[in-house]
């Protein structure tokens, strides 16, 4: 199913399922979740050299050159429409 906010060529159903699964990592107070990714996941990405240090006051993080290339490749690999 095509969703207007999902780029063409990507499978919205797969993206929705994986996003919901990642949100479950931040589950607290019964059924509440944080809007961001789990800190353990962010630290893992940093340890692999894919993002700069995620700790700080900014709400965004910088991808390294290797992380940017891999992120684009994995997005299409796992969520591209066949």
PDB file of N, CA and C in Angstrom:
ATOM      1  N   UNK A   1       0.832  -1.184   0.000  1.00  0.00           N
ATOM      2  CA  UNK A   1       0.000   0.000   0.000  1.00  0.00           C
ATOM      3  C   UNK A   1       0.879   1.251   0.000  1.00  0.00           C
ATOM      4  N   UNK A   2       0.612   2.174  -0.872  1.00  0.00           N
ATOM      5  CA  UNK A   2       1.369   3.413  -0.979  1.00  0.00           C
ATOM      6  C   UNK A   2       0.905   4.391   0.090  1.00  0.00           C
ATOM      7  N   UNK A   3       1.853   5.026   0.746  1.00  0.00           N
ATOM      8  CA  UNK A   3       1.564   6.038   1.752  1.00  0.00           C
ATOM      9  C   UNK A   3       2.219   7.328   1.282  1.00  0.00           C
ATOM     10  N   UNK A   4       1.532   8.459   1.336  1.00  0.00           N
ATOM     11  CA  UNK A   4       2.061   9.699   0.768  1.00  0.00           C
ATOM     12  C   UNK A   4       3.350  10.213   1.410  1.00  0.00           C
ATOM     13  N   UNK A   5       3.644   9.826   2.651  1.00  0.00           N
ATOM     14  CA  UNK A   5       4.847  10.316   3.319  1.00  0.00           C
ATOM     15  C   UNK A   5       6.032   9.354   3.212  1.00  0.00           C
ATOM     16  N   UNK A   6       5.830   8.206   2.589  1.00  0.00           N
ATOM     17  CA  UNK A   6       6.891   7.218   2.413  1.00  0.00           C
ATOM     18  C   UNK A   6       7.419   7.351   0.982  1.00  0.00           C
ATOM     19  N   UNK A   7       8.742   7.478   0.812  1.00  0.00           N
ATOM     20  CA  UNK A   7       9.291   7.630  -0.538  1.00  0.00           C
ATOM     21  C   UNK A   7       8.886   6.490  -1.476  1.00  0.00           C
ATOM     22  N   UNK A   8       8.710   6.816  -2.739  1.00  0.00           N
ATOM     23  CA  UNK A   8       8.395   5.803  -3.742  1.00  0.00           C
ATOM     24  C   UNK A   8       9.453   4.711  -3.732  1.00  0.00           C
ATOM     25  N   UNK A   9       9.035   3.512  -3.967  1.00  0.00           N
ATOM     26  CA  UNK A   9       9.967   2.395  -4.035  1.00  0.00           C
ATOM     27  C   UNK A   9      10.206   1.696  -2.710  1.00  0.00           C
ATOM     28  N   UNK A  10       9.624   2.210  -1.614  1.00  0.00           N
ATOM     29  CA  UNK A  10       9.795   1.579  -0.311  1.00  0.00           C
ATOM     30  C   UNK A  10       8.483   0.949   0.144  1.00  0.00           C
ATOM     31  N   UNK A  11       8.591  -0.154   0.860  1.00  0.00           N
ATOM     32  CA  UNK A  11       7.439  -0.908   1.342  1.00  0.00           C
ATOM     33  C   UNK A  11       6.974  -0.327   2.679  1.00  0.00           C
ATOM     34  N   UNK A  12       5.866   0.387   2.667  1.00  0.00           N
ATOM     35  CA  UNK A  12       5.356   1.050   3.865  1.00  0.00           C
ATOM     36  C   UNK A  12       4.989   0.056   4.957  1.00  0.00           C
ATOM     37  N   UNK A  13       4.474  -1.098   4.595  1.00  0.00           N
ATOM     38  CA  UNK A  13       4.087  -2.088   5.606  1.00  0.00           C
ATOM     39  C   UNK A  13       5.303  -2.589   6.374  1.00  0.00           C
ATOM     40  N   UNK A  14       6.391  -2.910   5.665  1.00  0.00           N
ATOM     41  CA  UNK A  14       7.611  -3.370   6.339  1.00  0.00           C
ATOM     42  C   UNK A  14       8.171  -2.277   7.240  1.00  0.00           C
ATOM     43  N   UNK A  15       8.193  -1.032   6.743  1.00  0.00           N
ATOM     44  CA  UNK A  15       8.696   0.079   7.543  1.00  0.00           C
ATOM     45  C   UNK A  15       7.874   0.254   8.815  1.00  0.00           C
ATOM     46  N   UNK A  16       6.556   0.182   8.707  1.00  0.00           N
ATOM     47  CA  UNK A  16       5.689   0.349   9.866  1.00  0.00           C
ATOM     48  C   UNK A  16       5.941  -0.747  10.900  1.00  0.00           C
ATOM     49  N   UNK A  17       6.091  -1.983  10.451  1.00  0.00           N
ATOM     50  CA  UNK A  17       6.318  -3.095  11.372  1.00  0.00           C
ATOM     51  C   UNK A  17       7.641  -2.962  12.110  1.00  0.00           C
ATOM     52  N   UNK A  18       8.708  -2.604  11.403  1.00  0.00           N
ATOM     53  CA  UNK A  18      10.015  -2.480  12.047  1.00  0.00           C
ATOM     54  C   UNK A  18      10.038  -1.270  12.986  1.00  0.00           C
ATOM     55  N   UNK A  19       9.423  -0.163  12.584  1.00  0.00           N
ATOM     56  CA  UNK A  19       9.365   1.016  13.446  1.00  0.00           C
ATOM     57  C   UNK A  19       8.637   0.694  14.745  1.00  0.00           C
ATOM     58  N   UNK A  20       7.522  -0.030  14.654  1.00  0.00           N
ATOM     59  CA  UNK A  20       6.772  -0.399  15.848  1.00  0.00           C
ATOM     60  C   UNK A  20       7.602  -1.314  16.753  1.00  0.00           C
ATOM     61  N   UNK A  21       8.329  -2.245  16.149  1.00  0.00           N
ATOM     62  CA  UNK A  21       9.197  -3.121  16.928  1.00  0.00           C
ATOM     63  C   UNK A  21      10.286  -2.352  17.658  1.00  0.00           C
ATOM     64  N   UNK A  22      10.894  -1.365  16.995  1.00  0.00           N
ATOM     65  CA  UNK A  22      11.923  -0.549  17.642  1.00  0.00           C
ATOM     66  C   UNK A  22      11.336   0.310  18.752  1.00  0.00           C
ATOM     67  N   UNK A  23      10.120   0.827  18.548  1.00  0.00           N
ATOM     68  CA  UNK A  23       9.478   1.597  19.612  1.00  0.00           C
ATOM     69  C   UNK A  23       9.265   0.745  20.859  1.00  0.00           C
ATOM     70  N   UNK A  24       9.039  -0.537  20.694  1.00  0.00           N
ATOM     71  CA  UNK A  24       8.826  -1.428  21.836  1.00  0.00           C
ATOM     72  C   UNK A  24      10.043  -1.468  22.759  1.00  0.00           C
ATOM     73  N   UNK A  25      11.216  -1.127  22.250  1.00  0.00           N
ATOM     74  CA  UNK A  25      12.426  -1.093  23.092  1.00  0.00           C
ATOM     75  C   UNK A  25      12.346   0.016  24.140  1.00  0.00           C
ATOM     76  N   UNK A  26      11.492   1.011  23.922  1.00  0.00           N
ATOM     77  CA  UNK A  26      11.392   2.143  24.848  1.00  0.00           C
ATOM     78  C   UNK A  26      10.111   2.107  25.676  1.00  0.00           C
ATOM     79  N   UNK A  27       9.442   0.979  25.707  1.00  0.00           N
ATOM     80  CA  UNK A  27       8.167   0.827  26.412  1.00  0.00           C
ATOM     81  C   UNK A  27       8.320   1.125  27.908  1.00  0.00           C
ATOM     82  N   UNK A  28       7.399   1.936  28.429  1.00  0.00           N
ATOM     83  CA  UNK A  28       7.387   2.261  29.863  1.00  0.00           C
ATOM     84  C   UNK A  28       5.971   2.663  30.272  1.00  0.00           C
ATOM     85  N   UNK A  29       5.705   2.677  31.551  1.00  0.00           N
ATOM     86  CA  UNK A  29       4.392   3.087  32.083  1.00  0.00           C
ATOM     87  C   UNK A  29       3.234   2.380  31.397  1.00  0.00           C
ATOM     88  N   UNK A  30       3.361   1.107  31.205  1.00  0.00           N
ATOM     89  CA  UNK A  30       2.275   0.323  30.615  1.00  0.00           C
ATOM     90  C   UNK A  30       2.310   0.268  29.107  1.00  0.00           C
ATOM     91  N   UNK A  31       1.891   1.356  28.460  1.00  0.00           N
ATOM     92  CA  UNK A  31       1.823   1.316  26.997  1.00  0.00           C
ATOM     93  C   UNK A  31       2.426   2.557  26.337  1.00  0.00           C
ATOM     94  N   UNK A  32       3.215   3.331  27.085  1.00  0.00           N
ATOM     95  CA  UNK A  32       3.848   4.518  26.505  1.00  0.00           C
ATOM     96  C   UNK A  32       5.213   4.151  25.941  1.00  0.00           C
ATOM     97  N   UNK A  33       5.587   4.818  24.849  1.00  0.00           N
ATOM     98  CA  UNK A  33       6.914   4.644  24.251  1.00  0.00           C
ATOM     99  C   UNK A  33       7.495   6.018  23.928  1.00  0.00           C
ATOM    100  N   UNK A  34       8.817   6.115  23.928  1.00  0.00           N
ATOM    101  CA  UNK A  34       9.484   7.345  23.525  1.00  0.00           C
ATOM    102  C   UNK A  34       9.467   7.445  22.006  1.00  0.00           C
ATOM    103  N   UNK A  35       9.481   8.672  21.488  1.00  0.00           N
ATOM    104  CA  UNK A  35       9.449   8.895  20.041  1.00  0.00           C
ATOM    105  C   UNK A  35      10.796   8.631  19.381  1.00  0.00           C
ATOM    106  N   UNK A  36      11.856   8.580  20.133  1.00  0.00           N
ATOM    107  CA  UNK A  36      13.189   8.345  19.587  1.00  0.00           C
ATOM    108  C   UNK A  36      13.606   6.893  19.720  1.00  0.00           C
ATOM    109  N   UNK A  37      14.765   6.578  19.189  1.00  0.00           N
ATOM    110  CA  UNK A  37      15.288   5.217  19.293  1.00  0.00           C
ATOM    111  C   UNK A  37      15.881   4.975  20.677  1.00  0.00           C
ATOM    112  N   UNK A  38      15.885   3.749  21.090  1.00  0.00           N
ATOM    113  CA  UNK A  38      16.472   3.304  22.340  1.00  0.00           C
ATOM    114  C   UNK A  38      17.947   3.691  22.401  1.00  0.00           C
ATOM    115  N   UNK A  39      18.422   4.143  23.577  1.00  0.00           N
ATOM    116  CA  UNK A  39      19.821   4.547  23.728  1.00  0.00           C
ATOM    117  C   UNK A  39      20.785   3.392  23.471  1.00  0.00           C
ATOM    118  N   UNK A  40      20.389   2.195  23.832  1.00  0.00           N
ATOM    119  CA  UNK A  40      21.253   1.044  23.569  1.00  0.00           C
ATOM    120  C   UNK A  40      21.480   0.852  22.080  1.00  0.00           C
ATOM    121  N   UNK A  41      20.434   1.054  21.293  1.00  0.00           N
ATOM    122  CA  UNK A  41      20.550   0.941  19.839  1.00  0.00           C
ATOM    123  C   UNK A  41      21.440   2.068  19.302  1.00  0.00           C
ATOM    124  N   UNK A  42      21.232   3.290  19.805  1.00  0.00           N
ATOM    125  CA  UNK A  42      22.053   4.418  19.351  1.00  0.00           C
ATOM    126  C   UNK A  42      23.524   4.197  19.704  1.00  0.00           C
ATOM    127  N   UNK A  43      23.797   3.690  20.902  1.00  0.00           N
ATOM    128  CA  UNK A  43      25.177   3.405  21.295  1.00  0.00           C
ATOM    129  C   UNK A  43      25.785   2.325  20.409  1.00  0.00           C
ATOM    130  N   UNK A  44      25.008   1.332  20.040  1.00  0.00           N
ATOM    131  CA  UNK A  44      25.488   0.274  19.151  1.00  0.00           C
ATOM    132  C   UNK A  44      25.892   0.849  17.796  1.00  0.00           C
ATOM    133  N   UNK A  45      25.073   1.746  17.258  1.00  0.00           N
ATOM    134  CA  UNK A  45      25.405   2.376  15.972  1.00  0.00           C
ATOM    135  C   UNK A  45      26.689   3.199  16.087  1.00  0.00           C
ATOM    136  N   UNK A  46      26.858   3.873  17.228  1.00  0.00           N
ATOM    137  CA  UNK A  46      28.079   4.657  17.456  1.00  0.00           C
ATOM    138  C   UNK A  46      29.304   3.747  17.557  1.00  0.00           C
ATOM    139  N   UNK A  47      29.176   2.659  18.290  1.00  0.00           N
ATOM    140  CA  UNK A  47      30.289   1.716  18.440  1.00  0.00           C
ATOM    141  C   UNK A  47      30.722   1.130  17.103  1.00  0.00           C
ATOM    142  N   UNK A  48      29.787   0.982  16.185  1.00  0.00           N
ATOM    143  CA  UNK A  48      30.112   0.444  14.862  1.00  0.00           C
ATOM    144  C   UNK A  48      30.653   1.508  13.920  1.00  0.00           C
ATOM    145  N   UNK A  49      30.700   2.750  14.365  1.00  0.00           N
ATOM    146  CA  UNK A  49      31.253   3.827  13.557  1.00  0.00           C
ATOM    147  C   UNK A  49      30.289   4.380  12.516  1.00  0.00           C
ATOM    148  N   UNK A  50      29.006   4.161  12.709  1.00  0.00           N
ATOM    149  CA  UNK A  50      28.014   4.597  11.726  1.00  0.00           C
ATOM    150  C   UNK A  50      27.416   5.958  12.046  1.00  0.00           C
ATOM    151  N   UNK A  51      27.493   6.376  13.326  1.00  0.00           N
ATOM    152  CA  UNK A  51      27.034   7.699  13.724  1.00  0.00           C
ATOM    153  C   UNK A  51      28.063   8.304  14.667  1.00  0.00           C
ATOM    154  N   UNK A  52      28.049   9.642  14.764  1.00  0.00           N
ATOM    155  CA  UNK A  52      28.882  10.308  15.754  1.00  0.00           C
ATOM    156  C   UNK A  52      28.229  10.121  17.116  1.00  0.00           C
ATOM    157  N   UNK A  53      28.940  10.487  18.171  1.00  0.00           N
ATOM    158  CA  UNK A  53      28.465  10.280  19.538  1.00  0.00           C
ATOM    159  C   UNK A  53      27.032  10.802  19.708  1.00  0.00           C
ATOM    160  N   UNK A  54      26.092   9.934  20.080  1.00  0.00           N
ATOM    161  CA  UNK A  54      24.692  10.342  20.177  1.00  0.00           C
ATOM    162  C   UNK A  54      24.352  11.114  21.458  1.00  0.00           C
ATOM    163  N   UNK A  55      25.267  11.196  22.400  1.00  0.00           N
ATOM    164  CA  UNK A  55      24.995  11.871  23.677  1.00  0.00           C
ATOM    165  C   UNK A  55      25.179  13.375  23.512  1.00  0.00           C
ATOM    166  N   UNK A  56      24.228  14.116  23.974  1.00  0.00           N
ATOM    167  CA  UNK A  56      24.273  15.576  23.892  1.00  0.00           C
ATOM    168  C   UNK A  56      22.875  16.147  23.919  1.00  0.00           C
ATOM    169  N   UNK A  57      22.776  17.442  23.761  1.00  0.00           N
ATOM    170  CA  UNK A  57      21.484  18.120  23.874  1.00  0.00           C
ATOM    171  C   UNK A  57      20.712  18.180  22.562  1.00  0.00           C
ATOM    172  N   UNK A  58      21.375  17.971  21.448  1.00  0.00           N
ATOM    173  CA  UNK A  58      20.680  18.065  20.163  1.00  0.00           C
ATOM    174  C   UNK A  58      19.748  16.872  19.976  1.00  0.00           C
ATOM    175  N   UNK A  59      18.697  17.071  19.209  1.00  0.00           N
ATOM    176  CA  UNK A  59      17.730  16.008  18.968  1.00  0.00           C
ATOM    177  C   UNK A  59      18.063  15.196  17.732  1.00  0.00           C
ATOM    178  N   UNK A  60      19.157  15.546  17.066  1.00  0.00           N
ATOM    179  CA  UNK A  60      19.561  14.791  15.885  1.00  0.00           C
ATOM    180  C   UNK A  60      20.972  14.253  16.087  1.00  0.00           C
ATOM    181  N   UNK A  61      21.379  13.360  15.201  1.00  0.00           N
ATOM    182  CA  UNK A  61      22.706  12.760  15.260  1.00  0.00           C
ATOM    183  C   UNK A  61      23.275  12.777  13.850  1.00  0.00           C
ATOM    184  N   UNK A  62      24.592  12.820  13.748  1.00  0.00           N
ATOM    185  CA  UNK A  62      25.250  12.887  12.443  1.00  0.00           C
ATOM    186  C   UNK A  62      25.716  11.498  12.022  1.00  0.00           C
ATOM    187  N   UNK A  63      25.350  11.119  10.802  1.00  0.00           N
ATOM    188  CA  UNK A  63      25.851   9.869  10.235  1.00  0.00           C
ATOM    189  C   UNK A  63      27.286  10.076   9.763  1.00  0.00           C
ATOM    190  N   UNK A  64      28.125   9.090   9.960  1.00  0.00           N
ATOM    191  CA  UNK A  64      29.467   9.145   9.384  1.00  0.00           C
ATOM    192  C   UNK A  64      29.336   8.855   7.886  1.00  0.00           C
ATOM    193  N   UNK A  65      30.405   9.055   7.120  1.00  0.00           N
ATOM    194  CA  UNK A  65      30.357   8.745   5.684  1.00  0.00           C
ATOM    195  C   UNK A  65      29.992   7.281   5.466  1.00  0.00           C
ATOM    196  N   UNK A  66      30.616   6.398   6.253  1.00  0.00           N
ATOM    197  CA  UNK A  66      30.312   4.966   6.134  1.00  0.00           C
ATOM    198  C   UNK A  66      28.877   4.684   6.538  1.00  0.00           C
ATOM    199  N   UNK A  67      28.401   5.355   7.593  1.00  0.00           N
ATOM    200  CA  UNK A  67      27.040   5.160   8.050  1.00  0.00           C
ATOM    201  C   UNK A  67      26.012   5.629   7.044  1.00  0.00           C
ATOM    202  N   UNK A  68      26.287   6.748   6.385  1.00  0.00           N
ATOM    203  CA  UNK A  68      25.366   7.270   5.371  1.00  0.00           C
ATOM    204  C   UNK A  68      25.249   6.311   4.193  1.00  0.00           C
ATOM    205  N   UNK A  69      26.379   5.841   3.707  1.00  0.00           N
ATOM    206  CA  UNK A  69      26.370   4.904   2.578  1.00  0.00           C
ATOM    207  C   UNK A  69      25.638   3.613   2.946  1.00  0.00           C
ATOM    208  N   UNK A  70      25.926   3.094   4.129  1.00  0.00           N
ATOM    209  CA  UNK A  70      25.305   1.847   4.557  1.00  0.00           C
ATOM    210  C   UNK A  70      23.814   2.043   4.828  1.00  0.00           C
ATOM    211  N   UNK A  71      23.431   3.174   5.410  1.00  0.00           N
ATOM    212  CA  UNK A  71      22.024   3.444   5.707  1.00  0.00           C
ATOM    213  C   UNK A  71      21.190   3.430   4.428  1.00  0.00           C
ATOM    214  N   UNK A  72      21.673   4.084   3.399  1.00  0.00           N
ATOM    215  CA  UNK A  72      20.940   4.120   2.132  1.00  0.00           C
ATOM    216  C   UNK A  72      20.855   2.735   1.506  1.00  0.00           C
ATOM    217  N   UNK A  73      21.944   1.983   1.584  1.00  0.00           N
ATOM    218  CA  UNK A  73      21.969   0.626   1.042  1.00  0.00           C
ATOM    219  C   UNK A  73      20.991  -0.284   1.788  1.00  0.00           C
ATOM    220  N   UNK A  74      21.003  -0.217   3.129  1.00  0.00           N
ATOM    221  CA  UNK A  74      20.133  -1.072   3.933  1.00  0.00           C
ATOM    222  C   UNK A  74      18.662  -0.701   3.793  1.00  0.00           C
ATOM    223  N   UNK A  75      18.379   0.587   3.628  1.00  0.00           N
ATOM    224  CA  UNK A  75      16.995   1.011   3.436  1.00  0.00           C
ATOM    225  C   UNK A  75      16.400   0.330   2.208  1.00  0.00           C
ATOM    226  N   UNK A  76      17.139   0.333   1.123  1.00  0.00           N
ATOM    227  CA  UNK A  76      16.655  -0.316  -0.096  1.00  0.00           C
ATOM    228  C   UNK A  76      16.681  -1.831   0.011  1.00  0.00           C
ATOM    229  N   UNK A  77      17.700  -2.384   0.644  1.00  0.00           N
ATOM    230  CA  UNK A  77      17.812  -3.826   0.797  1.00  0.00           C
ATOM    231  C   UNK A  77      16.624  -4.400   1.568  1.00  0.00           C
ATOM    232  N   UNK A  78      16.296  -3.793   2.690  1.00  0.00           N
ATOM    233  CA  UNK A  78      15.273  -4.343   3.566  1.00  0.00           C
ATOM    234  C   UNK A  78      13.865  -3.840   3.292  1.00  0.00           C
ATOM    235  N   UNK A  79      13.739  -2.657   2.689  1.00  0.00           N
ATOM    236  CA  UNK A  79      12.423  -2.070   2.533  1.00  0.00           C
ATOM    237  C   UNK A  79      12.060  -1.687   1.114  1.00  0.00           C
ATOM    238  N   UNK A  80      12.949  -1.929   0.170  1.00  0.00           N
ATOM    239  CA  UNK A  80      12.641  -1.608  -1.214  1.00  0.00           C
ATOM    240  C   UNK A  80      11.573  -2.535  -1.759  1.00  0.00           C
ATOM    241  N   UNK A  81      10.726  -1.981  -2.599  1.00  0.00           N
ATOM    242  CA  UNK A  81       9.713  -2.815  -3.243  1.00  0.00           C
ATOM    243  C   UNK A  81      10.383  -3.618  -4.333  1.00  0.00           C
ATOM    244  N   UNK A  82      10.001  -4.853  -4.447  1.00  0.00           N
ATOM    245  CA  UNK A  82      10.620  -5.721  -5.443  1.00  0.00           C
ATOM    246  C   UNK A  82       9.863  -5.660  -6.738  1.00  0.00           C
TER     247      UNK A  82
END
